[in-house]
Each structure stands twice: as C-alpha cells, then as structure tokens.
C-alpha cells in the first residue's frame, strides 16, 4: 500500500481545516474530507511524521485525544 498518498491527503485536509479557523479536529472530519477509512487515518497519525499546521492544537477520535501539539 502506498501510504505516502494518504499522508499527503491528510496533511492537505488538515491545512484546509486550519484555513476554516479550526484549532481542534476530529478524525471524522478528516474522513469526510478525504474518504480515507478512520482506522487508517488513526494509524497514520500515530505512526507517521506529518506536517501539521502550527495553528492546529489537537486531533481527537470519538472524544479521545490521539494527537496534541507539544508546547
């Protein structure tokens, strides 16, 4: 599986969400934007180094924080 194309799609989605002035994002919003399965999004967020916009503070999945910006 070519994971890099999914990584790029998630990064693009996060950038667009920041442009909509969102500082916290739920995985379901990424799923709606990209159609990538939720479990794959979660796996990529946990195992890959993504370029996440500075304005984004956290990413959640069903109310649980799966990524948070370290201060």
Protein backbone atom coordinates (compact mmCIF):
# COMPACT_ATOMS: atom_id res chain seq x y z
CA UNK A 1 0.00 0.00 0.00
CA UNK A 2 1.29 3.46 -0.91
CA UNK A 3 0.86 5.19 2.45
CA UNK A 4 2.51 8.40 1.27
CA UNK A 5 -0.51 9.39 -0.83
CA UNK A 6 -2.71 9.02 2.26
CA UNK A 7 -0.25 11.05 4.34
CA UNK A 8 -0.36 13.86 1.75
CA UNK A 9 -4.18 13.76 1.64
CA UNK A 10 -4.41 14.01 5.44
CA UNK A 11 -1.89 16.89 5.51
CA UNK A 12 -3.88 18.75 2.85
CA UNK A 13 -7.12 18.18 4.74
CA UNK A 14 -5.61 19.50 7.99
CA UNK A 15 -4.33 22.59 6.18
CA UNK A 16 -7.80 23.28 4.79
CA UNK A 17 -9.35 22.89 8.24
CA UNK A 18 -6.93 25.41 9.71
CA UNK A 19 -7.97 27.84 6.97
CA UNK A 20 -11.52 27.42 8.32
CA UNK A 21 -10.14 28.58 11.68
CA UNK A 22 -10.34 25.17 13.34
CA UNK A 23 -7.76 24.58 16.08
CA UNK A 24 -9.05 21.14 17.10
CA UNK A 25 -10.10 18.49 14.59
CA UNK A 26 -11.89 15.16 14.94
CA UNK A 27 -10.80 12.22 12.78
CA UNK A 28 -14.35 12.01 11.40
CA UNK A 29 -13.85 15.46 9.83
CA UNK A 30 -10.70 14.21 8.10
CA UNK A 31 -12.63 11.13 6.96
CA UNK A 32 -15.42 13.29 5.49
CA UNK A 33 -12.86 15.41 3.66
CA UNK A 34 -10.67 12.55 2.34
CA UNK A 35 -12.78 9.34 2.37
CA UNK A 36 -9.80 7.53 3.92
CA UNK A 37 -11.03 4.90 6.41
CA UNK A 38 -10.98 6.17 10.01
CA UNK A 39 -8.79 3.31 11.26
CA UNK A 40 -6.19 4.09 8.59
CA UNK A 41 -6.25 7.81 9.46
CA UNK A 42 -5.67 6.98 13.13
CA UNK A 43 -2.84 4.57 12.28
CA UNK A 44 -1.14 7.17 10.06
CA UNK A 45 -1.48 9.89 12.69
CA UNK A 46 0.10 7.62 15.30
CA UNK A 47 2.92 6.14 13.20
CA UNK A 48 4.00 8.78 10.66
CA UNK A 49 5.56 12.21 10.94
CA UNK A 50 3.05 14.53 9.31
CA UNK A 51 3.44 18.20 8.50
CA UNK A 52 0.71 19.51 10.78
CA UNK A 53 -0.07 23.25 10.62
CA UNK A 54 1.13 25.28 13.63
CA UNK A 55 -2.40 26.59 14.27
CA UNK A 56 -3.72 23.09 14.93
CA UNK A 57 -3.64 22.17 18.63
CA UNK A 58 -5.19 18.69 18.78
CA UNK A 59 -6.75 15.82 16.85
CA UNK A 60 -9.38 13.64 18.50
CA UNK A 61 -11.16 10.40 17.72
CA UNK A 62 -14.57 9.89 19.35
CA UNK A 63 -13.65 12.30 22.15
CA UNK A 64 -10.21 10.79 22.85
CA UNK A 65 -7.13 12.85 22.07
CA UNK A 66 -4.87 10.97 19.65
CA UNK A 67 -2.51 13.85 18.84
CA UNK A 68 -1.73 17.04 20.71
CA UNK A 69 0.81 19.76 19.95
CA UNK A 70 3.61 19.76 22.47
CA UNK A 71 4.32 23.20 23.87
